[in-house]
Amino acid sequence: MDWDNARVFLALYRKGTLRAAAEQLEIDQATVGRRLAAMEKSLSARLFLRTPSGYVPTPAGELAAGAAERMEQGAEQLLRQMQGIDERLCGVVRLAATDSAARHFLIPALHKLREAHPNIRVVLSTSTQVTNLTKREADIAVRTVRPDSPDLIARHLKRLHTGIYASKAYVKKRGLPEPGTALKGHDVVAYQRALAPHMVDQVCGESSANANVAIEVSNGLMLAECVLAGMGLGELPEHMGDATPGLVRIWPERNAPYDMWLVLHSDLNRTARVRAVADAIIAAYEAS
C-alpha cells in the first residue's frame, strides 16, 4: 500500500468529506479523489460508500484504516527518531500550552531563548485542549495534567495555587461573600462545564450552589477579564490575580493547588532545539 495514497485515505476516513480531507492536507479535492481511486484500484476493493452526508467506510475500508494507521505510526516514529539525533540549534519547535501559562511564564522564557538562539523558531499554540504529542500535534506541551503514556517524558515544573478574586468595584457594590453560604447572593465567573466541570460547581473548595453563574468562558485570560470587569467572583491563579491591578483577594486563606508539567516525546528529548526550548521553560518556572 502506497503511503502517499494511504495518508490521503486516512484523512478522508477521519474527516468524512473530500473538502475536509483536502483542507487538512492542504491539497485540492481533485487530488484527494485521485489518490482514493488509485488506492481502491491497487487493493481491488471499494473503501467508501458515497452518501449525501459524506464518505462512509465499507468493511474493506475499516480493515484498510487499521493498516494505514499502523503505517502512519511507523512514519511518525521514524520522523521523531530522525529529529532526535539533530544537534542543530535551529529550526521549528511547536509548543502547546494554556493562554495563562503562555502569558505569565512562556513568553518571557521564549524572549530570552530568542536572544540566545535566534535561529530557533517557536510555533506557539494556546488552548485548553490536550495536544497529542505522539501524533506530532506539538513537540512540547506545558500541561496541568501529568501524562501516563510510556512514550512521553514529563518534568514537574512547579506547584501553583489558585485563589478567589473579585474586582474592587464588585466588592464595593455587592460586599464580601460569607463562608459556608455557598456564595449566596453573589455572581461567579467560571470555565465552561465541558472544560472544567468542578469549577462551575465550586470556587476554591467553596460550593457555588447558591450563586448565579454570570458567564462561562473557555480560557483563563477571558476568565480574568470577566472578573476584572466586575461580572462576578472567580477562581484565578495567584500569580495572575495578585498581579492584576483592580482585583482583590477574597478569603486569602483559601487556595487550591495545581501542578504544571512539561511534556515531550522521548524520541525528541535529545533534539538540540527542542531541548533548548524545554530548558528555557524550566528555568522560567524555577525563577518564579
Protein backbone atom coordinates (compact mmCIF):
# COMPACT_ATOMS: atom_id res chain seq x y z
CA MET A 1 0.00 0.00 0.00
CA ASP A 2 1.46 3.33 -1.11
CA TRP A 3 1.94 5.70 1.87
CA ASP A 4 1.01 8.83 -0.10
CA ASN A 5 -2.32 7.25 -1.01
CA ALA A 6 -2.78 5.85 2.50
CA ARG A 7 -2.19 9.29 4.03
CA VAL A 8 -4.97 10.78 1.91
CA PHE A 9 -7.22 7.79 2.64
CA LEU A 10 -6.76 8.31 6.40
CA ALA A 11 -7.67 11.99 6.16
CA LEU A 12 -10.87 11.10 4.30
CA TYR A 13 -11.62 8.29 6.75
CA ARG A 14 -11.33 10.69 9.69
CA LYS A 15 -12.97 13.75 8.16
CA GLY A 16 -15.73 12.13 6.10
CA THR A 17 -15.74 14.55 3.14
CA LEU A 18 -13.40 15.36 0.26
CA ARG A 19 -13.41 19.02 1.20
CA ALA A 20 -12.47 18.48 4.85
CA ALA A 21 -9.75 15.98 3.94
CA ALA A 22 -8.33 18.36 1.32
CA GLU A 23 -8.28 21.24 3.81
CA GLN A 24 -6.44 19.14 6.41
CA LEU A 25 -3.81 18.03 3.91
CA GLU A 26 -3.67 21.42 2.16
CA ILE A 27 -4.30 19.93 -1.27
CA ASP A 28 -7.23 20.19 -3.68
CA GLN A 29 -10.29 17.95 -3.64
CA ALA A 30 -9.46 16.50 -7.04
CA THR A 31 -6.16 15.18 -5.71
CA VAL A 32 -7.96 13.52 -2.81
CA GLY A 33 -10.32 11.84 -5.26
CA ARG A 34 -7.47 10.65 -7.48
CA ARG A 35 -5.49 9.26 -4.56
CA LEU A 36 -8.53 7.40 -3.27
CA ALA A 37 -9.24 5.95 -6.71
CA ALA A 38 -5.61 4.82 -7.03
CA MET A 39 -5.72 3.13 -3.64
CA GLU A 40 -9.02 1.38 -4.37
CA LYS A 41 -7.60 0.17 -7.70
CA SER A 42 -4.40 -1.14 -6.11
CA LEU A 43 -6.40 -3.03 -3.45
CA SER A 44 -9.16 -4.11 -5.82
CA ALA A 45 -11.69 -3.06 -3.22
CA ARG A 46 -14.22 -0.30 -2.63
CA LEU A 47 -13.21 1.56 0.52
CA PHE A 48 -16.09 4.02 0.94
CA LEU A 49 -19.78 4.34 0.26
CA ARG A 50 -20.62 7.78 -1.15
CA THR A 51 -23.65 9.10 0.74
CA PRO A 52 -25.34 12.53 0.81
CA SER A 53 -23.78 13.18 4.22
CA GLY A 54 -20.26 12.13 3.25
CA TYR A 55 -17.98 9.14 2.78
CA VAL A 56 -18.80 6.10 4.93
CA PRO A 57 -16.14 3.36 5.15
CA THR A 58 -17.02 -0.10 3.90
CA PRO A 59 -15.83 -3.21 5.77
CA ALA A 60 -12.82 -3.19 3.46
CA GLY A 61 -12.30 0.47 4.32
CA GLU A 62 -12.34 -0.27 8.05
CA LEU A 63 -9.73 -3.00 7.51
CA ALA A 64 -7.59 -0.68 5.40
CA ALA A 65 -7.82 2.03 8.06
CA GLY A 66 -6.16 -0.20 10.64
CA ALA A 67 -3.28 -0.98 8.29
CA ALA A 68 -2.94 2.67 7.26
CA GLU A 69 -2.84 3.82 10.89
CA ARG A 70 0.00 1.39 11.59
CA MET A 71 1.86 2.85 8.61
CA GLU A 72 1.21 6.33 9.99
CA GLN A 73 2.59 5.37 13.41
CA GLY A 74 5.72 3.95 11.80
CA ALA A 75 6.26 7.08 9.70
CA GLU A 76 5.78 9.35 12.71
CA GLN A 77 8.17 7.30 14.82
CA LEU A 78 10.83 7.41 12.10
CA LEU A 79 10.46 11.19 11.82
CA ARG A 80 10.75 11.65 15.60
CA GLN A 81 13.82 9.45 15.73
CA MET A 82 15.48 11.38 12.92
CA GLN A 83 14.72 14.62 14.70
CA GLY A 84 16.07 13.11 17.92
CA ILE A 85 19.61 12.98 16.55
CA ASP A 86 19.51 16.55 15.26
CA GLU A 87 22.12 18.59 17.13
CA ARG A 88 21.49 21.90 15.34
CA LEU A 89 20.21 24.85 17.37
CA CYS A 90 17.93 25.97 14.58
CA GLY A 91 14.56 25.08 13.09
CA VAL A 92 10.97 24.94 14.26
CA VAL A 93 9.72 23.78 17.66
CA ARG A 94 5.97 23.52 18.20
CA LEU A 95 4.86 24.38 21.72
CA ALA A 96 1.37 23.91 23.17
CA ALA A 97 0.14 25.49 26.41
CA THR A 98 -2.74 27.31 28.03
CA ASP A 99 -3.02 31.03 27.39
CA SER A 100 -2.39 31.95 31.03
CA ALA A 101 0.77 29.81 31.21
CA ALA A 102 1.97 31.37 27.97
CA ARG A 103 1.37 34.91 29.15
CA HIS A 104 2.94 34.66 32.58
CA PHE A 105 5.74 32.12 32.06
CA LEU A 106 6.38 31.09 28.48
CA ILE A 107 6.55 34.41 26.66
CA PRO A 108 9.30 35.74 28.98
CA ALA A 109 11.13 32.41 28.59
CA LEU A 110 10.83 32.47 24.80
CA HIS A 111 12.04 36.06 24.69
CA LYS A 112 15.27 35.03 26.43
CA LEU A 113 15.53 31.98 24.20
CA ARG A 114 15.24 34.18 21.13
CA GLU A 115 18.14 36.31 22.28
CA ALA A 116 20.33 33.26 22.89
CA HIS A 117 19.28 31.18 19.86
CA PRO A 118 17.77 33.42 17.14
CA ASN A 119 17.64 30.56 14.63
CA ILE A 120 15.09 28.60 16.67
CA ARG A 121 11.55 29.50 15.66
CA VAL A 122 8.82 28.55 18.12
CA VAL A 123 5.27 27.94 16.92
CA LEU A 124 3.13 28.56 20.00
CA SER A 125 -0.45 27.26 20.22
CA THR A 126 -2.63 28.15 23.20
CA SER A 127 -5.67 26.06 24.03
CA THR A 128 -7.38 24.26 26.87
CA GLN A 129 -7.38 21.09 24.76
CA VAL A 130 -4.69 18.46 25.43
CA THR A 131 -2.49 18.09 22.36
CA ASN A 132 -1.40 14.67 21.11
CA LEU A 133 2.41 14.65 21.15
CA THR A 134 2.58 11.12 19.82
CA LYS A 135 0.87 12.29 16.62
CA ARG A 136 3.18 15.32 16.48
CA GLU A 137 0.50 17.91 17.11
CA ALA A 138 3.25 19.58 19.16
CA ASP A 139 6.83 18.88 20.16
CA ILE A 140 6.49 20.20 23.72
CA ALA A 141 3.44 20.80 25.89
CA VAL A 142 3.01 22.60 29.20
CA ARG A 143 0.08 20.96 30.99
CA THR A 144 -1.70 20.79 34.32
CA VAL A 145 -2.11 17.01 33.96
CA ARG A 146 0.73 14.51 34.05
CA PRO A 147 0.50 12.11 31.09
CA ASP A 148 0.52 8.35 31.62
CA SER A 149 1.89 7.35 28.19
CA PRO A 150 5.23 5.50 28.43
CA ASP A 151 6.37 7.27 25.24
CA LEU A 152 6.25 10.70 26.90
CA ILE A 153 8.69 12.34 29.30
CA ALA A 154 7.11 14.53 32.00
CA ARG A 155 9.07 17.05 34.07
CA HIS A 156 7.37 18.65 37.07
CA LEU A 157 7.71 22.40 36.71
CA LYS A 158 6.05 23.84 39.79
CA ARG A 159 3.13 23.56 42.19
CA LEU A 160 0.96 26.67 41.91
CA HIS A 161 -2.22 27.79 43.67
CA THR A 162 -5.45 29.47 42.78
CA GLY A 163 -7.46 31.88 44.91
CA ILE A 164 -10.80 33.68 44.82
CA TYR A 165 -10.75 37.14 43.30
CA ALA A 166 -13.18 39.94 42.55
CA SER A 167 -12.90 43.47 41.21
CA LYS A 168 -12.81 46.36 43.65
CA ALA A 169 -15.98 47.71 42.04
CA TYR A 170 -17.78 44.39 42.53
CA VAL A 171 -16.84 44.22 46.23
CA LYS A 172 -17.92 47.82 46.77
CA LYS A 173 -21.30 47.12 45.17
CA ARG A 174 -22.02 43.58 46.39
CA GLY A 175 -19.88 43.19 49.50
CA LEU A 176 -17.91 40.11 50.54
CA PRO A 177 -19.43 36.62 50.50
CA GLU A 178 -19.96 34.78 53.78
CA PRO A 179 -18.03 31.49 54.14
CA GLY A 180 -20.27 28.44 54.25
CA THR A 181 -23.19 30.06 52.42
CA ALA A 182 -22.36 28.53 49.02
CA LEU A 183 -21.79 32.09 47.76
CA LYS A 184 -25.42 33.05 48.29
CA GLY A 185 -26.28 36.40 46.76
CA HIS A 186 -23.22 36.53 44.54
CA ASP A 187 -22.33 36.02 40.89
CA VAL A 188 -19.48 33.80 39.71
CA VAL A 189 -17.42 33.58 36.55
CA ALA A 190 -16.44 30.02 35.60
CA TYR A 191 -14.98 27.85 32.89
CA GLN A 192 -17.39 26.15 30.52
CA ARG A 193 -18.67 22.97 32.13
CA ALA A 194 -17.23 20.76 29.38
CA LEU A 195 -13.73 22.10 30.12
CA ALA A 196 -13.74 22.13 33.93
CA PRO A 197 -16.96 20.75 35.46
CA HIS A 198 -15.76 21.18 39.06
CA MET A 199 -15.14 24.91 38.58
CA VAL A 200 -18.79 25.53 37.77
CA ASP A 201 -19.94 23.88 41.00
CA GLN A 202 -17.34 25.32 43.37
CA VAL A 203 -14.78 28.07 43.76
CA CYS A 204 -11.59 27.14 45.67
CA GLY A 205 -13.48 24.44 47.55
CA GLU A 206 -16.47 26.64 48.39
CA SER A 207 -19.72 25.41 46.87
CA SER A 208 -21.28 27.83 44.40
CA ALA A 209 -24.69 26.14 44.58
CA ASN A 210 -26.40 29.35 45.76
CA ALA A 211 -24.54 31.65 43.36
CA ASN A 212 -25.57 32.84 39.92
CA VAL A 213 -23.22 31.83 37.13
CA ALA A 214 -22.82 35.10 35.26
CA ILE A 215 -20.79 33.71 32.37
CA GLU A 216 -18.86 30.61 31.37
CA VAL A 217 -15.64 31.12 29.39
CA SER A 218 -13.20 28.92 27.50
CA ASN A 219 -9.84 30.17 28.73
CA GLY A 220 -8.04 31.70 31.69
CA LEU A 221 -7.41 35.15 30.22
CA MET A 222 -11.11 35.64 29.48
CA LEU A 223 -11.99 34.47 32.98
CA ALA A 224 -9.64 37.08 34.44
CA GLU A 225 -11.04 39.79 32.17
CA CYS A 226 -14.62 39.00 33.21
CA VAL A 227 -13.68 39.10 36.90
CA LEU A 228 -11.86 42.40 36.36
CA ALA A 229 -14.93 43.78 34.59
CA GLY A 230 -16.96 43.12 37.75
CA MET A 231 -19.11 40.30 36.40
CA GLY A 232 -18.56 38.12 39.44
CA LEU A 233 -16.18 36.23 41.70
CA GLY A 234 -13.69 33.95 40.01
CA GLU A 235 -11.00 31.38 40.78
CA LEU A 236 -7.71 32.58 39.32
CA PRO A 237 -4.06 31.53 39.64
CA GLU A 238 -2.42 33.57 42.39
CA HIS A 239 0.33 34.80 40.06
CA MET A 240 -2.37 36.18 37.77
CA GLY A 241 -4.80 37.58 40.33
CA ASP A 242 -2.16 39.18 42.58
CA ALA A 243 -0.50 40.90 39.62
CA THR A 244 -3.71 42.39 38.19
CA PRO A 245 -4.48 45.93 39.38
CA GLY A 246 -8.13 46.35 40.25
CA LEU A 247 -8.57 42.87 41.70
CA VAL A 248 -8.83 41.97 45.38
CA ARG A 249 -8.31 38.59 47.03
CA ILE A 250 -11.38 37.12 48.74
CA TRP A 251 -10.65 34.89 51.75
CA PRO A 252 -6.82 34.92 51.36
CA GLU A 253 -6.58 31.77 53.47
CA ARG A 254 -8.44 29.82 50.77
CA ASN A 255 -6.44 28.33 47.91
CA ALA A 256 -6.39 25.29 45.67
CA PRO A 257 -3.12 23.68 44.47
CA TYR A 258 -2.37 22.52 40.96
CA ASP A 259 0.77 21.27 39.25
CA MET A 260 2.39 22.30 35.99
CA TRP A 261 4.17 19.71 33.85
CA LEU A 262 6.48 19.99 30.88
CA VAL A 263 5.86 17.10 28.48
CA LEU A 264 7.74 15.98 25.38
CA HIS A 265 8.11 12.78 23.40
CA SER A 266 11.06 10.60 24.42
CA ASP A 267 12.25 10.46 20.79
CA LEU A 268 12.74 14.25 20.80
CA ASN A 269 14.47 14.56 24.17
CA ARG A 270 17.92 14.83 22.60
CA THR A 271 16.99 17.15 19.75
CA ALA A 272 19.05 20.27 20.42
CA ARG A 273 16.40 22.86 19.52
CA VAL A 274 13.68 21.03 21.48
CA ARG A 275 15.97 20.67 24.48
CA ALA A 276 16.83 24.38 24.33
CA VAL A 277 13.15 25.36 24.43
CA ALA A 278 12.46 22.91 27.25
CA ASP A 279 15.39 24.23 29.30
CA ALA A 280 14.20 27.83 28.84
CA ILE A 281 10.73 26.92 30.11
CA ILE A 282 12.14 25.02 33.10
CA ALA A 283 14.33 27.99 34.01
CA ALA A 284 11.37 30.37 33.84
CA TYR A 285 9.32 28.31 36.29
CA GLU A 286 12.29 27.80 38.62
CA ALA A 287 12.91 31.55 38.72
CA SER A 288 9.28 32.42 39.53
